[in-house]
Amino acid sequence: MQALTNRAKPVSRKPMTLVEKLYMWNILKGMMITLRHLFKKKATISYPEEKRPFSPVFRGLHILNRDEEGRERCTACGLCALACPAEAITMEAAERLPGEENKYREEKYAAKYEINMLRCIFCGLCEEACPKDAIYLSETFAPSNYQRKGFIYGKEDLLIPSPKENPGEYWKAVGNRKANKEQSN
């Protein structure tokens, strides 16, 4: 029968030598590889004391942003929820009442805003879809939890502190990447 390709290799049927029967050469090669790795630098880090640097394009936890006056930027347009391929974002819009101008930028605001981190794939499409720059992915990662409801983050969990009331916590929540992005604009 004719072979379809020329990739077939003939197998050698000669008898094995004594060294090949004892597998000594293969065992020695494996031991040399093990000894070489023994003296290499370890890839493990001591986590709580030592932290690994993240890539500049790392996408971590979601943050709901505020403007410089401390008002919420989200106008509940729903574009982030529509752009989310995993359907992890849910929101409900509400009308701003008279006297709440210092809390919300526009007439509409997100009364309820939730992100299910168990469904989120950290793709960043919500960040790209937002016209008001209200949501972005920070440089922190999601902490572990023992219950499913601990991974559903509400508006209170996602909203950063007000820059007027707590400027130190505001800049800590904004992070380096966001600060660099605003400086370049």
Protein backbone atom coordinates (compact mmCIF):
# COMPACT_ATOMS: atom_id res chain seq x y z
CA MET A 1 0.00 0.00 0.00
CA GLN A 2 1.31 3.46 -0.95
CA ALA A 3 1.77 6.04 1.86
CA LEU A 4 -0.17 9.30 1.50
CA THR A 5 2.64 11.42 2.92
CA ASN A 6 6.39 11.03 3.19
CA ARG A 7 6.38 11.55 6.96
CA ALA A 8 6.66 7.88 7.85
CA LYS A 9 9.99 6.93 9.46
CA PRO A 10 11.34 3.41 9.41
CA VAL A 11 11.64 1.83 12.85
CA SER A 12 14.92 0.21 13.79
CA ARG A 13 14.46 -3.42 14.83
CA LYS A 14 18.02 -4.08 15.97
CA PRO A 15 18.44 -5.66 19.43
CA MET A 16 18.98 -3.32 22.41
CA THR A 17 22.43 -3.05 23.99
CA LEU A 18 23.06 -3.70 27.69
CA VAL A 19 23.03 0.05 28.54
CA GLU A 20 19.73 0.48 26.73
CA LYS A 21 18.23 -2.53 28.53
CA LEU A 22 19.13 -1.07 31.93
CA TYR A 23 17.87 2.42 30.97
CA MET A 24 20.95 3.77 32.72
CA TRP A 25 21.66 6.48 30.15
CA ASN A 26 18.08 7.81 30.36
CA ILE A 27 18.14 7.78 34.15
CA LEU A 28 21.42 9.72 34.18
CA LYS A 29 20.04 12.27 31.72
CA GLY A 30 17.00 12.78 33.97
CA MET A 31 19.16 13.17 37.05
CA MET A 32 21.32 15.80 35.29
CA ILE A 33 18.22 17.82 34.44
CA THR A 34 17.06 17.58 38.06
CA LEU A 35 20.46 18.70 39.39
CA ARG A 36 20.54 21.62 36.96
CA HIS A 37 17.13 22.85 38.20
CA LEU A 38 18.18 22.46 41.82
CA PHE A 39 20.68 25.32 41.55
CA LYS A 40 18.54 27.71 39.50
CA LYS A 41 16.82 30.76 41.00
CA LYS A 42 13.40 29.91 42.42
CA ALA A 43 10.31 31.32 40.70
CA THR A 44 8.33 31.30 43.95
CA ILE A 45 7.84 34.54 45.88
CA SER A 46 6.88 35.04 49.54
CA TYR A 47 3.46 36.55 48.84
CA PRO A 48 2.41 38.70 51.77
CA GLU A 49 5.85 40.26 52.20
CA GLU A 50 6.79 40.33 48.52
CA LYS A 51 4.39 41.30 45.77
CA ARG A 52 4.78 40.49 42.10
CA PRO A 53 4.60 43.50 39.77
CA PHE A 54 1.62 43.49 37.43
CA SER A 55 1.75 44.14 33.73
CA PRO A 56 0.67 47.62 32.60
CA VAL A 57 -2.25 46.01 30.75
CA PHE A 58 -3.45 43.98 33.77
CA ARG A 59 -7.22 44.08 34.26
CA GLY A 60 -8.33 43.70 37.86
CA LEU A 61 -11.37 44.66 39.89
CA HIS A 62 -13.90 47.09 38.51
CA ILE A 63 -14.09 50.61 39.91
CA LEU A 64 -16.93 53.13 39.57
CA ASN A 65 -15.28 56.51 39.18
CA ARG A 66 -16.16 59.95 40.52
CA ASP A 67 -15.38 63.33 39.03
CA GLU A 68 -13.13 65.94 40.68
CA GLU A 69 -16.07 67.34 42.67
CA GLY A 70 -16.94 63.94 44.15
CA ARG A 71 -20.05 63.29 42.05
CA GLU A 72 -20.71 59.90 40.50
CA ARG A 73 -19.88 59.75 36.81
CA CYS A 74 -22.22 56.87 35.93
CA THR A 75 -25.37 58.01 34.12
CA ALA A 76 -26.93 54.52 33.94
CA CYS A 77 -26.88 54.47 30.15
CA GLY A 78 -26.44 50.69 30.20
CA LEU A 79 -23.73 50.54 27.53
CA CYS A 80 -21.39 48.65 29.86
CA ALA A 81 -24.05 46.02 30.52
CA LEU A 82 -24.76 45.70 26.80
CA ALA A 83 -21.05 45.39 25.94
CA CYS A 84 -20.43 42.69 28.58
CA PRO A 85 -20.24 39.33 26.76
CA ALA A 86 -20.68 37.40 30.01
CA GLU A 87 -23.73 39.44 31.09
CA ALA A 88 -22.12 40.06 34.46
CA ILE A 89 -23.33 43.66 34.91
CA THR A 90 -26.86 44.57 36.03
CA MET A 91 -28.13 48.06 36.75
CA GLU A 92 -31.26 50.04 37.44
CA ALA A 93 -31.58 53.72 36.57
CA ALA A 94 -33.27 56.39 38.67
CA GLU A 95 -34.00 60.10 38.30
CA ARG A 96 -32.02 62.62 40.32
CA LEU A 97 -34.14 64.45 42.88
CA PRO A 98 -33.90 68.20 43.53
CA GLY A 99 -31.06 68.90 45.94
CA GLU A 100 -28.94 65.92 44.84
CA GLU A 101 -26.87 67.89 42.32
CA ASN A 102 -23.78 67.43 44.50
CA LYS A 103 -24.13 63.60 44.37
CA TYR A 104 -24.81 62.92 40.67
CA ARG A 105 -23.54 64.60 37.49
CA GLU A 106 -26.56 64.06 35.25
CA GLU A 107 -30.33 63.78 35.71
CA LYS A 108 -30.10 59.98 35.57
CA TYR A 109 -27.94 57.88 37.83
CA ALA A 110 -27.47 54.20 38.63
CA ALA A 111 -29.63 53.43 41.67
CA LYS A 112 -28.49 49.80 41.59
CA TYR A 113 -25.23 48.68 39.98
CA GLU A 114 -23.95 45.13 40.45
CA ILE A 115 -21.16 43.10 38.90
CA ASN A 116 -21.06 39.34 39.34
CA MET A 117 -17.33 38.59 39.49
CA LEU A 118 -17.96 34.88 39.06
CA ARG A 119 -19.31 35.59 35.57
CA CYS A 120 -16.91 38.41 34.66
CA ILE A 121 -14.15 37.46 32.23
CA PHE A 122 -12.17 40.71 32.78
CA CYS A 123 -12.23 41.55 29.07
CA GLY A 124 -12.41 45.33 29.57
CA LEU A 125 -15.26 45.87 27.10
CA CYS A 126 -17.31 47.65 29.77
CA GLU A 127 -14.48 50.13 30.25
CA GLU A 128 -14.26 50.78 26.50
CA ALA A 129 -18.03 51.15 26.08
CA CYS A 130 -18.51 53.75 28.83
CA PRO A 131 -18.83 57.25 27.29
CA LYS A 132 -18.45 59.01 30.67
CA ASP A 133 -15.31 57.13 31.83
CA ALA A 134 -17.33 55.98 34.83
CA ILE A 135 -16.06 52.40 35.03
CA TYR A 136 -12.57 51.07 34.67
CA LEU A 137 -10.62 48.00 35.67
CA SER A 138 -8.13 48.70 38.44
CA GLU A 139 -4.75 47.14 39.23
CA THR A 140 -6.05 45.06 42.15
CA PHE A 141 -7.31 41.51 41.93
CA ALA A 142 -10.43 39.98 43.43
CA PRO A 143 -9.92 38.59 46.93
CA SER A 144 -10.98 35.05 47.70
CA ASN A 145 -14.28 34.38 49.39
CA TYR A 146 -16.15 31.42 50.82
CA GLN A 147 -19.65 32.24 49.56
CA ARG A 148 -21.02 33.04 46.13
CA LYS A 149 -22.78 36.20 47.30
CA GLY A 150 -19.39 37.61 48.35
CA PHE A 151 -18.42 37.81 44.68
CA ILE A 152 -21.37 40.00 43.70
CA TYR A 153 -20.15 43.55 44.11
CA GLY A 154 -22.73 46.28 44.58
CA LYS A 155 -22.45 49.98 43.92
CA GLU A 156 -21.16 50.63 47.44
CA ASP A 157 -18.29 48.17 46.92
CA LEU A 158 -17.32 49.54 43.50
CA LEU A 159 -17.56 53.30 44.10
CA ILE A 160 -14.26 54.97 44.97
CA PRO A 161 -14.02 57.45 47.88
CA SER A 162 -14.80 61.09 47.27
CA PRO A 163 -11.74 63.20 46.33
CA LYS A 164 -12.96 66.08 48.51
CA GLU A 165 -13.68 64.07 51.65
CA ASN A 166 -10.80 61.59 51.44
CA PRO A 167 -8.18 62.57 48.82
CA GLY A 168 -5.57 60.01 49.93
CA GLU A 169 -7.97 57.07 49.55
CA TYR A 170 -9.25 58.54 46.27
CA TRP A 171 -5.79 58.51 44.65
CA LYS A 172 -5.06 55.08 46.09
CA ALA A 173 -8.29 53.77 44.51
CA VAL A 174 -7.59 55.52 41.21
CA GLY A 175 -4.22 53.75 40.94
CA ASN A 176 -1.14 54.46 38.87
CA ARG A 177 -2.54 53.47 35.49
CA LYS A 178 -5.57 55.76 35.79
CA ALA A 179 -3.46 58.68 37.04
CA ASN A 180 -1.04 58.24 34.13
CA LYS A 181 -3.98 58.05 31.69
CA GLU A 182 -5.43 61.35 32.98
CA GLN A 183 -2.04 63.08 32.86
CA SER A 184 -1.53 62.06 29.22
CA ASN A 185 -4.94 63.52 28.17
